[in-house]
């Protein structure tokens, strides 16, 4: 299939599609993206990573209160919490070198499992 490129008029404003393009053909082309495997891989990966995001939010919201309750008012909850952030800042370059030959999806999956621990 050939895609119709958008063109601007002399004032730089976007023009409507060329004459002869039906609404049905535009809808058919837009719906054809549902048949692409890449879309579903991105959707599955994003859905799986929702749990990792929820765990990070849970850690930021409840861990300080938990540490104060368990260790007392002088608990260094900021220091404990920052360990994870430092690890996430320092380890990715090293892990990238080690996992350079891995495929993308298994590497993302393994990384999300490690980050959720």
Foldseek 3Di string as FASTA:
>chain_A
DDDDDWDADPVRHTDDDDPPDDPVNVVVVVVCVVVDPVVVVVVVLVVVLVVLVVLLVCCVPPVVVVQCVVPNPPRPSVVVNCVLVVCVVPVPVVVCVVCVPPDDPVVSVVVSVVSSD
